[in-house]
PDB file of N, CA and C in Angstrom:
ATOM      1  N   MET A   1     117.678  92.723  55.708  1.00  0.00           N
ATOM      2  CA  MET A   1     119.056  93.409  56.927  1.00  0.00           C
ATOM      3  C   MET A   1     119.455  93.026  56.266  1.00  0.00           C
ATOM      4  N   LEU A   2     120.464  94.751  56.051  1.00  0.00           N
ATOM      5  CA  LEU A   2     122.067  94.600  55.433  1.00  0.00           C
ATOM      6  C   LEU A   2     123.307  94.996  56.701  1.00  0.00           C
ATOM      7  N   LEU A   3     124.166  94.452  55.878  1.00  0.00           N
ATOM      8  CA  LEU A   3     125.389  94.959  57.480  1.00  0.00           C
ATOM      9  C   LEU A   3     126.280  95.584  56.662  1.00  0.00           C
ATOM     10  N   GLY A   4     127.362  96.942  57.527  1.00  0.00           N
ATOM     11  CA  GLY A   4     127.692  97.812  56.888  1.00  0.00           C
ATOM     12  C   GLY A   4     128.831  97.664  57.982  1.00  0.00           C
ATOM     13  N   LYS A   5     130.473  98.959  57.451  1.00  0.00           N
ATOM     14  CA  LYS A   5     131.563  98.431  58.546  1.00  0.00           C
ATOM     15  C   LYS A   5     131.073 100.927  57.975  1.00  0.00           C
ATOM     16  N   VAL A   6     130.729 101.349  59.610  1.00  0.00           N
ATOM     17  CA  VAL A   6     130.840 102.228  59.263  1.00  0.00           C
ATOM     18  C   VAL A   6     132.253 103.675  59.191  1.00  0.00           C
ATOM     19  N   VAL A   7     132.343 104.416  58.135  1.00  0.00           N
ATOM     20  CA  VAL A   7     133.856 104.594  57.735  1.00  0.00           C
ATOM     21  C   VAL A   7     133.628 106.112  58.098  1.00  0.00           C
ATOM     22  N   GLY A   8     133.404 106.234  58.430  1.00  0.00           N
ATOM     23  CA  GLY A   8     132.414 108.579  59.211  1.00  0.00           C
ATOM     24  C   GLY A   8     131.687 108.748  59.768  1.00  0.00           C
ATOM     25  N   THR A   9     131.488 109.684  59.621  1.00  0.00           N
ATOM     26  CA  THR A   9     130.809 111.163  60.132  1.00  0.00           C
ATOM     27  C   THR A   9     129.583 111.641  58.512  1.00  0.00           C
ATOM     28  N   VAL A  10     128.599 112.397  58.342  1.00  0.00           N
ATOM     29  CA  VAL A  10     128.981 113.226  58.004  1.00  0.00           C
ATOM     30  C   VAL A  10     127.570 114.541  58.514  1.00  0.00           C
ATOM     31  N   VAL A  11     128.627 115.896  57.657  1.00  0.00           N
ATOM     32  CA  VAL A  11     127.775 116.814  59.094  1.00  0.00           C
ATOM     33  C   VAL A  11     127.148 117.424  57.397  1.00  0.00           C
ATOM     34  N   CYS A  12     125.461 117.905  58.322  1.00  0.00           N
ATOM     35  CA  CYS A  12     125.211 118.881  57.834  1.00  0.00           C
ATOM     36  C   CYS A  12     124.303 119.763  57.604  1.00  0.00           C
ATOM     37  N   CYS A  13     124.255 120.391  56.360  1.00  0.00           N
ATOM     38  CA  CYS A  13     124.718 122.253  56.989  1.00  0.00           C
ATOM     39  C   CYS A  13     122.202 122.763  57.499  1.00  0.00           C
ATOM     40  N   VAL A  14     122.018 121.353  56.890  1.00  0.00           N
ATOM     41  CA  VAL A  14     120.237 121.915  56.080  1.00  0.00           C
ATOM     42  C   VAL A  14     119.305 120.580  56.545  1.00  0.00           C
ATOM     43  N   LEU A  15     118.820 120.275  57.638  1.00  0.00           N
ATOM     44  CA  LEU A  15     117.832 119.318  57.764  1.00  0.00           C
ATOM     45  C   LEU A  15     116.775 119.043  58.141  1.00  0.00           C
ATOM     46  N   TYR A  16     116.119 117.887  57.365  1.00  0.00           N
ATOM     47  CA  TYR A  16     114.341 117.840  56.709  1.00  0.00           C
ATOM     48  C   TYR A  16     114.076 117.783  58.704  1.00  0.00           C
ATOM     49  N   GLU A  17     112.849 118.479  59.061  1.00  0.00           N
ATOM     50  CA  GLU A  17     112.262 118.440  60.193  1.00  0.00           C
ATOM     51  C   GLU A  17     112.076 117.025  61.025  1.00  0.00           C
ATOM     52  N   GLY A  18     112.317 116.811  61.708  1.00  0.00           N
ATOM     53  CA  GLY A  18     112.201 115.612  62.027  1.00  0.00           C
ATOM     54  C   GLY A  18     113.824 114.899  61.987  1.00  0.00           C
ATOM     55  N   LEU A  19     114.454 115.144  61.670  1.00  0.00           N
ATOM     56  CA  LEU A  19     115.823 114.651  61.695  1.00  0.00           C
ATOM     57  C   LEU A  19     117.462 115.586  62.835  1.00  0.00           C
ATOM     58  N   GLU A  20     116.400 116.554  64.140  1.00  0.00           N
ATOM     59  CA  GLU A  20     117.226 117.288  63.612  1.00  0.00           C
ATOM     60  C   GLU A  20     117.532 116.265  64.782  1.00  0.00           C
ATOM     61  N   GLY A  21     118.806 116.488  64.926  1.00  0.00           N
ATOM     62  CA  GLY A  21     119.928 115.498  66.570  1.00  0.00           C
ATOM     63  C   GLY A  21     120.027 113.574  65.535  1.00  0.00           C
ATOM     64  N   VAL A  22     119.763 113.370  64.512  1.00  0.00           N
ATOM     65  CA  VAL A  22     119.564 112.210  64.283  1.00  0.00           C
ATOM     66  C   VAL A  22     120.542 112.483  63.868  1.00  0.00           C
ATOM     67  N   PRO A  23     122.355 111.240  63.917  1.00  0.00           N
ATOM     68  CA  PRO A  23     123.656 110.987  63.722  1.00  0.00           C
ATOM     69  C   PRO A  23     123.397 110.426  62.223  1.00  0.00           C
ATOM     70  N   MET A  24     124.044 111.398  61.128  1.00  0.00           N
ATOM     71  CA  MET A  24     124.261 110.823  59.434  1.00  0.00           C
ATOM     72  C   MET A  24     125.668 110.561  59.802  1.00  0.00           C
ATOM     73  N   LEU A  25     126.085 108.758  59.061  1.00  0.00           N
ATOM     74  CA  LEU A  25     126.369 108.002  58.519  1.00  0.00           C
ATOM     75  C   LEU A  25     127.496 107.558  57.233  1.00  0.00           C
ATOM     76  N   LEU A  26     128.913 107.377  57.311  1.00  0.00           N
ATOM     77  CA  LEU A  26     128.654 107.032  55.967  1.00  0.00           C
ATOM     78  C   LEU A  26     129.013 105.411  56.227  1.00  0.00           C
ATOM     79  N   VAL A  27     128.788 104.921  55.012  1.00  0.00           N
ATOM     80  CA  VAL A  27     128.853 103.164  55.471  1.00  0.00           C
ATOM     81  C   VAL A  27     129.226 102.842  54.781  1.00  0.00           C
ATOM     82  N   GLN A  28     130.485 102.185  54.614  1.00  0.00           N
ATOM     83  CA  GLN A  28     130.001 100.775  53.170  1.00  0.00           C
ATOM     84  C   GLN A  28     129.181  99.797  53.696  1.00  0.00           C
ATOM     85  N   PRO A  29     128.593  99.627  52.802  1.00  0.00           N
ATOM     86  CA  PRO A  29     127.892  97.812  52.872  1.00  0.00           C
ATOM     87  C   PRO A  29     129.187  96.651  52.615  1.00  0.00           C
ATOM     88  N   VAL A  30     128.927  95.513  53.626  1.00  0.00           N
ATOM     89  CA  VAL A  30     129.454  94.546  53.548  1.00  0.00           C
ATOM     90  C   VAL A  30     129.048  93.189  53.331  1.00  0.00           C
ATOM     91  N   ASP A  31     129.123  92.474  53.384  1.00  0.00           N
ATOM     92  CA  ASP A  31     128.689  91.532  53.405  1.00  0.00           C
ATOM     93  C   ASP A  31     128.848  89.922  54.073  1.00  0.00           C
ATOM     94  N   LYS A  32     128.651  88.829  53.941  1.00  0.00           N
ATOM     95  CA  LYS A  32     128.838  88.147  55.663  1.00  0.00           C
ATOM     96  C   LYS A  32     130.034  87.861  56.030  1.00  0.00           C
ATOM     97  N   HIS A  33     130.959  87.321  55.026  1.00  0.00           N
ATOM     98  CA  HIS A  33     132.146  87.943  55.790  1.00  0.00           C
ATOM     99  C   HIS A  33     133.238  89.018  55.772  1.00  0.00           C
ATOM    100  N   GLN A  34     132.476  90.745  56.014  1.00  0.00           N
ATOM    101  CA  GLN A  34     132.749  91.827  55.917  1.00  0.00           C
ATOM    102  C   GLN A  34     134.191  92.472  54.676  1.00  0.00           C
ATOM    103  N   GLN A  35     133.868  91.965  54.115  1.00  0.00           N
ATOM    104  CA  GLN A  35     134.639  92.310  53.034  1.00  0.00           C
ATOM    105  C   GLN A  35     133.867  93.775  51.837  1.00  0.00           C
ATOM    106  N   PRO A  36     134.319  94.055  52.364  1.00  0.00           N
ATOM    107  CA  PRO A  36     133.227  95.379  50.803  1.00  0.00           C
ATOM    108  C   PRO A  36     132.580  95.082  49.964  1.00  0.00           C
ATOM    109  N   MET A  37     131.482  95.302  49.282  1.00  0.00           N
ATOM    110  CA  MET A  37     130.265  96.129  48.664  1.00  0.00           C
ATOM    111  C   MET A  37     130.000  97.116  48.067  1.00  0.00           C
ATOM    112  N   GLY A  38     129.929  97.131  46.867  1.00  0.00           N
ATOM    113  CA  GLY A  38     129.262  98.381  46.133  1.00  0.00           C
ATOM    114  C   GLY A  38     130.321  99.846  46.719  1.00  0.00           C
ATOM    115  N   HIS A  39     129.257 100.903  46.908  1.00  0.00           N
ATOM    116  CA  HIS A  39     129.766 102.372  47.129  1.00  0.00           C
ATOM    117  C   HIS A  39     128.993 102.658  48.024  1.00  0.00           C
ATOM    118  N   LEU A  40     130.095 103.848  49.200  1.00  0.00           N
ATOM    119  CA  LEU A  40     129.409 104.370  50.030  1.00  0.00           C
ATOM    120  C   LEU A  40     128.222 105.130  50.938  1.00  0.00           C
ATOM    121  N   ILE A  41     127.647 104.840  51.294  1.00  0.00           N
ATOM    122  CA  ILE A  41     126.352 105.121  51.218  1.00  0.00           C
ATOM    123  C   ILE A  41     126.307 106.345  52.765  1.00  0.00           C
ATOM    124  N   VAL A  42     125.138 106.799  53.063  1.00  0.00           N
ATOM    125  CA  VAL A  42     124.911 107.792  54.273  1.00  0.00           C
ATOM    126  C   VAL A  42     123.717 107.223  54.527  1.00  0.00           C
ATOM    127  N   CYS A  43     123.715 106.586  55.925  1.00  0.00           N
ATOM    128  CA  CYS A  43     122.598 105.730  56.510  1.00  0.00           C
ATOM    129  C   CYS A  43     122.320 107.027  57.836  1.00  0.00           C
ATOM    130  N   ALA A  44     121.233 107.618  58.631  1.00  0.00           N
ATOM    131  CA  ALA A  44     120.013 107.616  59.532  1.00  0.00           C
ATOM    132  C   ALA A  44     121.194 107.333  60.934  1.00  0.00           C
ATOM    133  N   ASP A  45     121.616 107.467  61.280  1.00  0.00           N
ATOM    134  CA  ASP A  45     121.639 106.557  63.087  1.00  0.00           C
ATOM    135  C   ASP A  45     120.614 107.055  63.560  1.00  0.00           C
ATOM    136  N   GLY A  46     119.478 105.237  63.862  1.00  0.00           N
ATOM    137  CA  GLY A  46     118.329 106.237  64.656  1.00  0.00           C
ATOM    138  C   GLY A  46     118.757 104.979  65.816  1.00  0.00           C
ATOM    139  N   THR A  47     119.776 104.497  66.334  1.00  0.00           N
ATOM    140  CA  THR A  47     120.255 104.040  67.060  1.00  0.00           C
ATOM    141  C   THR A  47     121.008 105.390  67.858  1.00  0.00           C
ATOM    142  N   ARG A  48     121.427 106.310  67.937  1.00  0.00           N
ATOM    143  CA  ARG A  48     121.777 107.242  68.020  1.00  0.00           C
ATOM    144  C   ARG A  48     122.968 106.961  69.337  1.00  0.00           C
ATOM    145  N   MET A  49     123.957 105.351  68.313  1.00  0.00           N
ATOM    146  CA  MET A  49     125.137 104.985  69.165  1.00  0.00           C
ATOM    147  C   MET A  49     126.276 104.693  68.447  1.00  0.00           C
ATOM    148  N   ALA A  50     126.205 104.270  67.573  1.00  0.00           N
ATOM    149  CA  ALA A  50     127.558 103.641  66.533  1.00  0.00           C
ATOM    150  C   ALA A  50     127.959 104.392  65.916  1.00  0.00           C
ATOM    151  N   GLY A  51     129.436 104.398  65.400  1.00  0.00           N
ATOM    152  CA  GLY A  51     130.324 105.170  66.021  1.00  0.00           C
ATOM    153  C   GLY A  51     131.528 105.089  64.718  1.00  0.00           C
ATOM    154  N   PRO A  52     132.787 105.061  64.545  1.00  0.00           N
ATOM    155  CA  PRO A  52     133.781 104.987  63.542  1.00  0.00           C
ATOM    156  C   PRO A  52     133.884 103.038  64.415  1.00  0.00           C
ATOM    157  N   ASP A  53     134.358 102.550  62.985  1.00  0.00           N
ATOM    158  CA  ASP A  53     134.360 101.410  62.891  1.00  0.00           C
ATOM    159  C   ASP A  53     134.364 100.365  63.784  1.00  0.00           C
ATOM    160  N   GLU A  54     132.277 100.778  63.743  1.00  0.00           N
ATOM    161  CA  GLU A  54     131.667 100.051  64.131  1.00  0.00           C
ATOM    162  C   GLU A  54     130.903  98.697  63.076  1.00  0.00           C
ATOM    163  N   LEU A  55     130.362  97.615  63.577  1.00  0.00           N
ATOM    164  CA  LEU A  55     129.755  96.626  62.046  1.00  0.00           C
ATOM    165  C   LEU A  55     128.806  97.130  63.063  1.00  0.00           C
ATOM    166  N   ILE A  56     127.805  96.509  62.062  1.00  0.00           N
ATOM    167  CA  ILE A  56     126.283  98.411  61.756  1.00  0.00           C
ATOM    168  C   ILE A  56     125.203  96.414  60.652  1.00  0.00           C
ATOM    169  N   TYR A  57     124.064  97.439  61.550  1.00  0.00           N
ATOM    170  CA  TYR A  57     122.885  95.862  60.176  1.00  0.00           C
ATOM    171  C   TYR A  57     121.697  97.720  59.906  1.00  0.00           C
ATOM    172  N   TYR A  58     121.815  97.906  58.864  1.00  0.00           N
ATOM    173  CA  TYR A  58     120.984  99.123  58.416  1.00  0.00           C
ATOM    174  C   TYR A  58     119.836  98.274  57.356  1.00  0.00           C
ATOM    175  N   GLU A  59     118.110  99.416  56.985  1.00  0.00           N
ATOM    176  CA  GLU A  59     117.586  98.456  56.280  1.00  0.00           C
ATOM    177  C   GLU A  59     117.322 100.044  56.007  1.00  0.00           C
ATOM    178  N   ALA A  60     117.009  99.720  54.187  1.00  0.00           N
ATOM    179  CA  ALA A  60     117.341 100.663  52.988  1.00  0.00           C
ATOM    180  C   ALA A  60     115.495 101.331  52.620  1.00  0.00           C
ATOM    181  N   SER A  61     114.760 101.972  52.090  1.00  0.00           N
ATOM    182  CA  SER A  61     114.208 101.925  50.901  1.00  0.00           C
ATOM    183  C   SER A  61     112.711 102.655  52.306  1.00  0.00           C
ATOM    184  N   ARG A  62     111.872 102.204  51.711  1.00  0.00           N
ATOM    185  CA  ARG A  62     110.543 102.122  52.580  1.00  0.00           C
ATOM    186  C   ARG A  62     111.011 101.559  54.024  1.00  0.00           C
ATOM    187  N   GLU A  63     111.734 101.067  54.264  1.00  0.00           N
ATOM    188  CA  GLU A  63     111.884 100.188  56.165  1.00  0.00           C
ATOM    189  C   GLU A  63     113.021 101.189  56.922  1.00  0.00           C
ATOM    190  N   ALA A  64     114.059 101.715  55.824  1.00  0.00           N
ATOM    191  CA  ALA A  64     114.587 103.291  56.538  1.00  0.00           C
ATOM    192  C   ALA A  64     113.263 103.906  57.662  1.00  0.00           C
ATOM    193  N   ALA A  65     112.386 104.769  56.370  1.00  0.00           N
ATOM    194  CA  ALA A  65     112.032 105.701  56.913  1.00  0.00           C
ATOM    195  C   ALA A  65     111.291 105.718  57.717  1.00  0.00           C
ATOM    196  N   LEU A  66     110.689 104.216  57.863  1.00  0.00           N
ATOM    197  CA  LEU A  66     110.073 103.161  59.427  1.00  0.00           C
ATOM    198  C   LEU A  66     110.410 103.732  60.982  1.00  0.00           C
ATOM    199  N   ALA A  67     112.051 103.642  60.023  1.00  0.00           N
ATOM    200  CA  ALA A  67     112.287 102.984  61.277  1.00  0.00           C
ATOM    201  C   ALA A  67     113.039 103.666  61.984  1.00  0.00           C
ATOM    202  N   LEU A  68     112.996 104.782  61.866  1.00  0.00           N
ATOM    203  CA  LEU A  68     113.369 106.520  63.162  1.00  0.00           C
ATOM    204  C   LEU A  68     112.217 106.366  63.428  1.00  0.00           C
ATOM    205  N   ASP A  69     112.769 107.668  64.205  1.00  0.00           N
ATOM    206  CA  ASP A  69     111.244 108.709  65.148  1.00  0.00           C
ATOM    207  C   ASP A  69     111.399 110.072  65.730  1.00  0.00           C
ATOM    208  N   PRO A  70     110.845 110.874  64.537  1.00  0.00           N
ATOM    209  CA  PRO A  70     109.146 110.638  64.307  1.00  0.00           C
ATOM    210  C   PRO A  70     109.547 109.182  63.351  1.00  0.00           C
ATOM    211  N   TRP A  71     108.744 108.680  63.025  1.00  0.00           N
ATOM    212  CA  TRP A  71     108.618 107.675  62.079  1.00  0.00           C
ATOM    213  C   TRP A  71     108.195 109.006  60.419  1.00  0.00           C
ATOM    214  N   PHE A  72     108.818 107.896  58.786  1.00  0.00           N
ATOM    215  CA  PHE A  72     108.493 107.892  58.095  1.00  0.00           C
ATOM    216  C   PHE A  72     108.640 109.603  58.240  1.00  0.00           C
ATOM    217  N   VAL A  73     110.008 109.704  58.034  1.00  0.00           N
ATOM    218  CA  VAL A  73     110.803 111.237  57.758  1.00  0.00           C
ATOM    219  C   VAL A  73     111.758 110.344  56.269  1.00  0.00           C
ATOM    220  N   PRO A  74     111.774 111.369  55.548  1.00  0.00           N
ATOM    221  CA  PRO A  74     113.031 111.227  54.152  1.00  0.00           C
ATOM    222  C   PRO A  74     114.542 110.563  54.128  1.00  0.00           C
ATOM    223  N   VAL A  75     114.705 109.617  54.011  1.00  0.00           N
ATOM    224  CA  VAL A  75     115.588 108.656  54.366  1.00  0.00           C
ATOM    225  C   VAL A  75     115.766 107.450  53.591  1.00  0.00           C
ATOM    226  N   ASP A  76     116.789 107.289  52.695  1.00  0.00           N
ATOM    227  CA  ASP A  76     116.843 105.731  52.667  1.00  0.00           C
ATOM    228  C   ASP A  76     117.773 104.648  53.036  1.00  0.00           C
ATOM    229  N   HIS A  77     118.579 105.386  53.780  1.00  0.00           N
ATOM    230  CA  HIS A  77     118.487 104.131  54.395  1.00  0.00           C
ATOM    231  C   HIS A  77     119.155 104.983  55.993  1.00  0.00           C
ATOM    232  N   ALA A  78     118.339 103.426  56.756  1.00  0.00           N
ATOM    233  CA  ALA A  78     118.504 103.779  58.974  1.00  0.00           C
ATOM    234  C   ALA A  78     119.087 102.626  59.484  1.00  0.00           C
ATOM    235  N   VAL A  79     119.651 102.644  60.056  1.00  0.00           N
ATOM    236  CA  VAL A  79     121.058 102.092  61.770  1.00  0.00           C
ATOM    237  C   VAL A  79     119.915 102.147  62.022  1.00  0.00           C
ATOM    238  N   ILE A  80     119.504 100.239  61.646  1.00  0.00           N
ATOM    239  CA  ILE A  80     118.624  99.226  62.752  1.00  0.00           C
ATOM    240  C   ILE A  80     119.458  98.910  64.339  1.00  0.00           C
ATOM    241  N   GLY A  81     120.985  98.604  64.312  1.00  0.00           N
ATOM    242  CA  GLY A  81     121.968  98.279  65.315  1.00  0.00           C
ATOM    243  C   GLY A  81     122.922  98.196  64.609  1.00  0.00           C
ATOM    244  N   ILE A  82     124.221  97.664  66.288  1.00  0.00           N
ATOM    245  CA  ILE A  82     125.277  97.261  66.345  1.00  0.00           C
ATOM    246  C   ILE A  82     125.062  95.785  65.721  1.00  0.00           C
ATOM    247  N   VAL A  83     126.311  95.431  65.298  1.00  0.00           N
ATOM    248  CA  VAL A  83     126.127  93.850  65.302  1.00  0.00           C
ATOM    249  C   VAL A  83     127.407  93.559  66.629  1.00  0.00           C
ATOM    250  N   ASP A  84     127.523  92.650  67.526  1.00  0.00           N
ATOM    251  CA  ASP A  84     127.495  92.491  68.174  1.00  0.00           C
ATOM    252  C   ASP A  84     128.368  91.492  67.988  1.00  0.00           C
ATOM    253  N   GLN A  85     128.352  90.575  67.871  1.00  0.00           N
ATOM    254  CA  GLN A  85     128.954  89.259  67.160  1.00  0.00           C
ATOM    255  C   GLN A  85     128.532  88.347  65.835  1.00  0.00           C
ATOM    256  N   LEU A  86     129.469  87.997  64.539  1.00  0.00           N
ATOM    257  CA  LEU A  86     128.814  88.213  63.394  1.00  0.00           C
ATOM    258  C   LEU A  86     129.422  86.388  63.050  1.00  0.00           C
ATOM    259  N   VAL A  87     128.630  85.294  63.250  1.00  0.00           N
ATOM    260  CA  VAL A  87     129.114  83.666  62.467  1.00  0.00           C
ATOM    261  C   VAL A  87     128.482  83.604  61.214  1.00  0.00           C
ATOM    262  N   ALA A  88     129.558  83.139  60.560  1.00  0.00           N
ATOM    263  CA  ALA A  88     129.265  83.087  58.701  1.00  0.00           C
ATOM    264  C   ALA A  88     129.310  81.986  58.173  1.00  0.00           C
ATOM    265  N   ASP A  89     128.863  80.581  59.054  1.00  0.00           N
ATOM    266  CA  ASP A  89     129.306  79.574  59.065  1.00  0.00           C
ATOM    267  C   ASP A  89     128.343  79.406  57.847  1.00  0.00           C
ATOM    268  N   ASP A  90     128.684  78.619  56.969  1.00  0.00           N
ATOM    269  CA  ASP A  90     128.289  78.112  54.949  1.00  0.00           C
ATOM    270  C   ASP A  90     127.958  76.428  55.019  1.00  0.00           C
ATOM    271  N   SER A  91     128.613  75.905  56.088  1.00  0.00           N
ATOM    272  CA  SER A  91     128.524  74.451  56.193  1.00  0.00           C
ATOM    273  C   SER A  91     127.524  74.364  57.030  1.00  0.00           C
ATOM    274  N   GLY A  92     126.294  74.684  57.031  1.00  0.00           N
ATOM    275  CA  GLY A  92     125.462  74.857  57.620  1.00  0.00           C
ATOM    276  C   GLY A  92     124.029  74.575  56.518  1.00  0.00           C
ATOM    277  N   LEU A  93     124.022  75.150  55.297  1.00  0.00           N
ATOM    278  CA  LEU A  93     123.126  75.631  54.699  1.00  0.00           C
ATOM    279  C   LEU A  93     122.253  74.173  54.191  1.00  0.00           C
ATOM    280  N   ALA A  94     120.691  73.937  54.549  1.00  0.00           N
ATOM    281  CA  ALA A  94     120.058  73.003  53.356  1.00  0.00           C
ATOM    282  C   ALA A  94     120.709  73.151  52.017  1.00  0.00           C
ATOM    283  N   GLY A  95     120.642  71.713  51.831  1.00  0.00           N
ATOM    284  CA  GLY A  95     120.240  71.506  50.321  1.00  0.00           C
ATOM    285  C   GLY A  95     122.232  71.122  50.042  1.00  0.00           C
ATOM    286  N   GLU A  96     122.951  71.249  51.630  1.00  0.00           N
ATOM    287  CA  GLU A  96     124.175  71.008  50.686  1.00  0.00           C
ATOM    288  C   GLU A  96     124.496  70.069  52.141  1.00  0.00           C
ATOM    289  N   GLY A  97     124.806  68.992  51.953  1.00  0.00           N
ATOM    290  CA  GLY A  97     124.658  67.890  52.639  1.00  0.00           C
ATOM    291  C   GLY A  97     124.660  68.192  54.835  1.00  0.00           C
ATOM    292  N   GLY A  98     123.945  69.163  54.405  1.00  0.00           N
ATOM    293  CA  GLY A  98     123.646  70.097  56.400  1.00  0.00           C
ATOM    294  C   GLY A  98     122.697  68.654  57.036  1.00  0.00           C
ATOM    295  N   PRO A  99     121.419  68.941  57.640  1.00  0.00           N
ATOM    296  CA  PRO A  99     120.645  68.045  58.526  1.00  0.00           C
ATOM    297  C   PRO A  99     119.200  68.629  57.404  1.00  0.00           C
TER     298      PRO A  99
END
């Protein structure tokens, strides 16, 4: 699972068959502390509900192509869900003094 923040939308003039009606979002990948990392990417929004400034989780590569309906369309990244809450507590990691 990869985290990202929606920063905009992409308007496509020509779409591959099977991607009609699927929103394309401009996403900034972030780490578990919501700090930007890497370059902006375009994600096909399989949920059809993500909007600006929302924290989402997405998949890449083959998993992204299988996440949409119809499945196995040619996409590199696909939104899987919208994050309601994120708790980034590093203190309970195994091997670092945790139980």
